[in-house]
C-alpha atoms as a PDB file:
ATOM      1  CA  VAL A   1     -34.018 152.620  41.245  1.00  0.00           C
ATOM      2  CA  GLN A   2     -31.963 151.065  38.484  1.00  0.00           C
ATOM      3  CA  LEU A   3     -31.944 147.703  36.777  1.00  0.00           C
ATOM      4  CA  GLN A   4     -29.657 146.643  33.951  1.00  0.00           C
ATOM      5  CA  ALA A   5     -30.356 143.497  31.932  1.00  0.00           C
ATOM      6  CA  SER A   6     -27.681 141.821  29.851  1.00  0.00           C
ATOM      7  CA  GLY A   7     -26.757 138.516  28.262  1.00  0.00           C
ATOM      8  CA  GLY A   8     -29.037 138.454  25.255  1.00  0.00           C
ATOM      9  CA  GLY A   9     -27.856 137.403  21.831  1.00  0.00           C
ATOM     10  CA  LEU A  10     -28.380 135.135  18.865  1.00  0.00           C
ATOM     11  CA  VAL A  11     -28.568 131.396  19.491  1.00  0.00           C
ATOM     12  CA  GLN A  12     -29.733 128.381  17.537  1.00  0.00           C
ATOM     13  CA  ALA A  13     -32.777 126.425  18.583  1.00  0.00           C
ATOM     14  CA  GLY A  14     -31.879 123.990  21.342  1.00  0.00           C
ATOM     15  CA  GLY A  15     -29.138 126.259  22.628  1.00  0.00           C
ATOM     16  CA  SER A  16     -28.777 128.091  25.922  1.00  0.00           C
ATOM     17  CA  LEU A  17     -28.328 131.629  27.188  1.00  0.00           C
ATOM     18  CA  ARG A  18     -27.986 133.128  30.634  1.00  0.00           C
ATOM     19  CA  LEU A  19     -29.487 136.537  31.246  1.00  0.00           C
ATOM     20  CA  SER A  20     -28.306 138.725  34.086  1.00  0.00           C
ATOM     21  CA  CYS A  21     -29.938 141.648  35.823  1.00  0.00           C
ATOM     22  CA  ALA A  22     -27.819 143.981  37.892  1.00  0.00           C
ATOM     23  CA  THR A  23     -29.678 146.124  40.405  1.00  0.00           C
ATOM     24  CA  SER A  24     -29.001 148.726  43.019  1.00  0.00           C
ATOM     25  CA  ARG A  25     -29.177 147.518  46.615  1.00  0.00           C
ATOM     26  CA  ARG A  26     -31.924 149.992  47.300  1.00  0.00           C
ATOM     27  CA  THR A  27     -33.925 148.562  44.436  1.00  0.00           C
ATOM     28  CA  SER A  28     -34.357 144.986  45.275  1.00  0.00           C
ATOM     29  CA  SER A  29     -32.930 143.653  48.525  1.00  0.00           C
ATOM     30  CA  ASN A  30     -36.401 143.021  50.032  1.00  0.00           C
ATOM     31  CA  ASN A  31     -38.420 142.812  46.847  1.00  0.00           C
ATOM     32  CA  ALA A  32     -39.470 139.993  44.599  1.00  0.00           C
ATOM     33  CA  MET A  33     -38.107 140.238  41.094  1.00  0.00           C
ATOM     34  CA  GLY A  34     -39.121 138.915  37.735  1.00  0.00           C
ATOM     35  CA  TRP A  35     -38.456 138.504  34.048  1.00  0.00           C
ATOM     36  CA  PHE A  36     -40.881 139.476  31.335  1.00  0.00           C
ATOM     37  CA  ARG A  37     -40.560 139.406  27.564  1.00  0.00           C
ATOM     38  CA  GLN A  38     -42.086 141.095  24.565  1.00  0.00           C
ATOM     39  CA  ALA A  39     -41.988 139.648  21.085  1.00  0.00           C
ATOM     40  CA  PRO A  40     -42.513 141.829  17.998  1.00  0.00           C
ATOM     41  CA  GLY A  41     -46.154 142.708  17.597  1.00  0.00           C
ATOM     42  CA  LYS A  42     -47.136 141.080  20.867  1.00  0.00           C
ATOM     43  CA  GLU A  43     -47.893 142.260  24.359  1.00  0.00           C
ATOM     44  CA  ARG A  44     -45.391 141.976  27.174  1.00  0.00           C
ATOM     45  CA  GLU A  45     -45.755 138.646  28.958  1.00  0.00           C
ATOM     46  CA  PHE A  46     -44.624 137.141  32.216  1.00  0.00           C
ATOM     47  CA  VAL A  47     -41.730 134.683  32.130  1.00  0.00           C
ATOM     48  CA  ALA A  48     -40.582 133.998  35.696  1.00  0.00           C
ATOM     49  CA  ALA A  49     -40.470 135.510  39.159  1.00  0.00           C
ATOM     50  CA  ILE A  50     -38.601 134.905  42.396  1.00  0.00           C
ATOM     51  CA  ASN A  51     -39.352 136.084  45.922  1.00  0.00           C
ATOM     52  CA  TRP A  52     -37.092 138.247  48.041  1.00  0.00           C
ATOM     53  CA  ARG A  53     -35.330 135.330  49.739  1.00  0.00           C
ATOM     54  CA  GLY A  54     -34.911 133.346  46.550  1.00  0.00           C
ATOM     55  CA  ASP A  55     -36.713 130.271  47.860  1.00  0.00           C
ATOM     56  CA  SER A  56     -39.977 130.624  45.963  1.00  0.00           C
ATOM     57  CA  THR A  57     -40.350 130.852  42.192  1.00  0.00           C
ATOM     58  CA  ASN A  58     -43.067 130.976  39.579  1.00  0.00           C
ATOM     59  CA  TYR A  59     -42.853 130.307  35.847  1.00  0.00           C
ATOM     60  CA  ALA A  60     -45.000 130.751  32.795  1.00  0.00           C
ATOM     61  CA  ASP A  61     -46.179 127.403  31.469  1.00  0.00           C
ATOM     62  CA  SER A  62     -44.341 127.995  28.209  1.00  0.00           C
ATOM     63  CA  VAL A  63     -40.924 128.018  29.912  1.00  0.00           C
ATOM     64  CA  LYS A  64     -41.378 125.529  32.753  1.00  0.00           C
ATOM     65  CA  GLY A  65     -38.678 122.899  32.742  1.00  0.00           C
ATOM     66  CA  ARG A  66     -36.475 124.941  30.398  1.00  0.00           C
ATOM     67  CA  PHE A  67     -35.824 128.221  32.235  1.00  0.00           C
ATOM     68  CA  THR A  68     -34.506 128.712  35.751  1.00  0.00           C
ATOM     69  CA  ILE A  69     -34.650 131.974  37.666  1.00  0.00           C
ATOM     70  CA  SER A  70     -32.256 132.680  40.514  1.00  0.00           C
ATOM     71  CA  ARG A  71     -30.900 135.574  42.514  1.00  0.00           C
ATOM     72  CA  ASP A  72     -27.902 136.473  44.611  1.00  0.00           C
ATOM     73  CA  ARG A  73     -29.042 138.498  47.627  1.00  0.00           C
ATOM     74  CA  TYR A  74     -25.512 139.595  48.450  1.00  0.00           C
ATOM     75  CA  THR A  75     -25.017 141.296  45.099  1.00  0.00           C
ATOM     76  CA  ASN A  76     -28.700 141.920  44.328  1.00  0.00           C
ATOM     77  CA  ALA A  77     -28.223 140.312  40.960  1.00  0.00           C
ATOM     78  CA  MET A  78     -30.845 138.154  39.275  1.00  0.00           C
ATOM     79  CA  TYR A  79     -30.376 135.553  36.572  1.00  0.00           C
ATOM     80  CA  LEU A  80     -32.408 133.628  34.028  1.00  0.00           C
ATOM     81  CA  GLN A  81     -30.844 130.441  32.737  1.00  0.00           C
ATOM     82  CA  MET A  82     -32.563 129.538  29.477  1.00  0.00           C
ATOM     83  CA  ASN A  83     -32.050 126.070  28.074  1.00  0.00           C
ATOM     84  CA  ASN A  84     -33.500 124.275  25.068  1.00  0.00           C
ATOM     85  CA  LEU A  85     -34.411 127.585  23.487  1.00  0.00           C
ATOM     86  CA  ARG A  86     -37.073 127.705  20.796  1.00  0.00           C
ATOM     87  CA  PRO A  87     -37.716 130.225  18.018  1.00  0.00           C
ATOM     88  CA  GLU A  88     -40.861 131.310  19.869  1.00  0.00           C
ATOM     89  CA  ASP A  89     -38.660 132.447  22.762  1.00  0.00           C
ATOM     90  CA  THR A  90     -37.383 135.263  20.553  1.00  0.00           C
ATOM     91  CA  ALA A  91     -38.184 138.542  22.304  1.00  0.00           C
ATOM     92  CA  VAL A  92     -36.795 141.454  24.244  1.00  0.00           C
ATOM     93  CA  TYR A  93     -36.391 140.279  27.818  1.00  0.00           C
ATOM     94  CA  TYR A  94     -36.899 142.704  30.690  1.00  0.00           C
ATOM     95  CA  CYS A  95     -36.015 142.373  34.328  1.00  0.00           C
ATOM     96  CA  ALA A  96     -38.217 144.061  36.895  1.00  0.00           C
ATOM     97  CA  ALA A  97     -38.464 144.619  40.622  1.00  0.00           C
ATOM     98  CA  SER A  98     -41.758 144.087  42.400  1.00  0.00           C
ATOM     99  CA  ARG A  99     -43.265 146.316  45.054  1.00  0.00           C
ATOM    100  CA  TYR A 100     -43.928 143.146  47.074  1.00  0.00           C
ATOM    101  CA  SER A 101     -41.686 140.524  48.670  1.00  0.00           C
ATOM    102  CA  SER A 102     -43.659 137.506  47.412  1.00  0.00           C
ATOM    103  CA  VAL A 103     -43.777 136.259  43.847  1.00  0.00           C
ATOM    104  CA  SER A 104     -46.191 137.757  41.381  1.00  0.00           C
ATOM    105  CA  ASN A 105     -46.820 137.395  37.662  1.00  0.00           C
ATOM    106  CA  HIS A 106     -48.722 140.620  37.103  1.00  0.00           C
ATOM    107  CA  PRO A 107     -46.680 143.368  35.441  1.00  0.00           C
ATOM    108  CA  GLY A 108     -48.673 145.977  37.325  1.00  0.00           C
ATOM    109  CA  ASN A 109     -46.976 144.803  40.528  1.00  0.00           C
ATOM    110  CA  PHE A 110     -43.558 145.687  39.131  1.00  0.00           C
ATOM    111  CA  PRO A 111     -42.920 149.442  39.236  1.00  0.00           C
ATOM    112  CA  SER A 112     -39.228 149.257  38.314  1.00  0.00           C
ATOM    113  CA  TRP A 113     -37.977 147.978  34.959  1.00  0.00           C
ATOM    114  CA  GLY A 114     -34.669 147.550  33.178  1.00  0.00           C
ATOM    115  CA  GLN A 115     -34.074 148.504  29.583  1.00  0.00           C
ATOM    116  CA  GLY A 116     -34.350 145.001  28.060  1.00  0.00           C
ATOM    117  CA  THR A 117     -31.995 142.656  26.263  1.00  0.00           C
ATOM    118  CA  LEU A 118     -32.759 141.019  22.929  1.00  0.00           C
ATOM    119  CA  VAL A 119     -32.826 137.247  22.602  1.00  0.00           C
ATOM    120  CA  THR A 120     -33.050 135.831  19.095  1.00  0.00           C
ATOM    121  CA  VAL A 121     -33.449 132.101  18.556  1.00  0.00           C
ATOM    122  CA  SER A 122     -32.941 130.842  15.010  1.00  0.00           C
ATOM    123  CA  SER A 123     -34.526 127.659  13.719  1.00  0.00           C
END
């Protein structure tokens, strides 16, 4: 079970980034997947999740309307398009695979995690 997040970087407020999560076929083909983030000194928090077919999504209130989660079932890749970024979005972003096929926002439902990619938004 392997997940690899990438695409983080430094961006100015109002800018955009696209995160990617590469996974093994065994990892995620029938599993929901999600993005979480952890800012310095804070607990890990839910960002977005998508079900196994890619037709149902869930977002944290803080990112609704700005972030879009998607997945490619043929390649088992997952993406997070982040627009209109804010300084408070600064965090390490992690991709994760759920043990279930439907969306979830509880980190306990995600047994598989990638290593994280740092997003820094300057004001």
